[in-house]
Amino acid sequence: MTDHLPATQAQTTPGVASAESGLVILDGPDGVAVTMTPHAAVGTGESLIAAAAIAQTQSTDDVE
């Protein structure tokens, strides 16, 4: 995976996922919404959890 520069403003509010008509809808902060298949949602969730675990070991800021 390539290194990425941090976003100018990291979000501190988690998104909320829901299921509707066989799809997963992720509602995030600032009106961000993503609709995914269950397969894509599982992959995204696993990837987010793995990346968050790594980021927690890298961060020196007290960010929640």
Protein backbone atom coordinates (compact mmCIF):
# COMPACT_ATOMS: atom_id res chain seq x y z
CA MET A 1 0.00 0.00 0.00
CA THR A 2 1.27 3.48 -0.72
CA ASP A 3 1.87 6.15 1.89
CA HIS A 4 -0.75 8.89 2.00
CA LEU A 5 -0.57 12.37 3.41
CA PRO A 6 -3.07 13.04 6.20
CA ALA A 7 -6.27 14.84 5.28
CA THR A 8 -6.34 18.51 6.19
CA GLN A 9 -8.96 17.79 8.84
CA ALA A 10 -9.38 14.27 10.21
CA GLN A 11 -12.94 13.33 11.09
CA THR A 12 -13.56 12.41 14.73
CA THR A 13 -17.19 11.34 14.31
CA PRO A 14 -17.67 7.75 13.16
CA GLY A 15 -19.93 6.89 10.25
CA VAL A 16 -23.12 4.90 10.76
CA ALA A 17 -23.88 1.84 8.65
CA SER A 18 -27.33 0.46 7.88
CA ALA A 19 -28.74 -2.27 5.65
CA GLU A 20 -31.52 -1.61 3.15
CA SER A 21 -32.77 -3.78 0.29
CA GLY A 22 -29.71 -6.03 0.41
CA LEU A 23 -27.21 -3.17 0.32
CA VAL A 24 -25.11 -1.49 3.00
CA ILE A 25 -25.32 2.26 3.34
CA LEU A 26 -22.57 4.12 5.19
CA ASP A 27 -23.55 7.62 6.31
CA GLY A 28 -20.51 9.63 7.28
CA PRO A 29 -19.84 13.13 8.52
CA ASP A 30 -20.45 16.16 6.33
CA GLY A 31 -23.11 14.44 4.25
CA VAL A 32 -20.86 11.69 2.91
CA ALA A 33 -22.86 8.61 1.94
CA VAL A 34 -21.63 5.41 0.30
CA THR A 35 -23.76 2.48 -0.85
CA MET A 36 -22.01 -0.90 -1.10
CA THR A 37 -22.76 -4.53 -1.74
CA PRO A 38 -22.43 -6.75 1.34
CA HIS A 39 -19.15 -8.13 -0.10
CA ALA A 40 -17.72 -4.62 -0.57
CA ALA A 41 -18.87 -3.58 2.91
CA VAL A 42 -17.18 -6.56 4.57
CA GLY A 43 -13.93 -5.85 2.72
CA THR A 44 -14.12 -2.17 3.57
CA GLY A 45 -14.82 -2.89 7.22
CA GLU A 46 -11.92 -5.31 7.50
CA SER A 47 -9.60 -2.86 5.77
CA LEU A 48 -10.70 0.01 8.03
CA ILE A 49 -10.14 -2.05 11.19
CA ALA A 50 -6.67 -3.15 10.04
CA ALA A 51 -5.66 0.39 9.07
CA ALA A 52 -7.00 1.81 12.34
CA ALA A 53 -4.95 -0.69 14.34
CA ILE A 54 -1.80 0.37 12.50
CA ALA A 55 -2.63 4.07 12.80
CA GLN A 56 -3.08 3.72 16.56
CA THR A 57 0.54 2.58 16.84
CA GLN A 58 1.76 5.50 14.71
CA SER A 59 -0.13 8.38 16.27
CA THR A 60 1.49 10.55 18.90
CA ASP A 61 -1.51 12.91 19.11
CA ASP A 62 -4.32 12.33 21.58
CA VAL A 63 -6.98 11.83 18.88
CA GLU A 64 -10.07 9.68 19.42
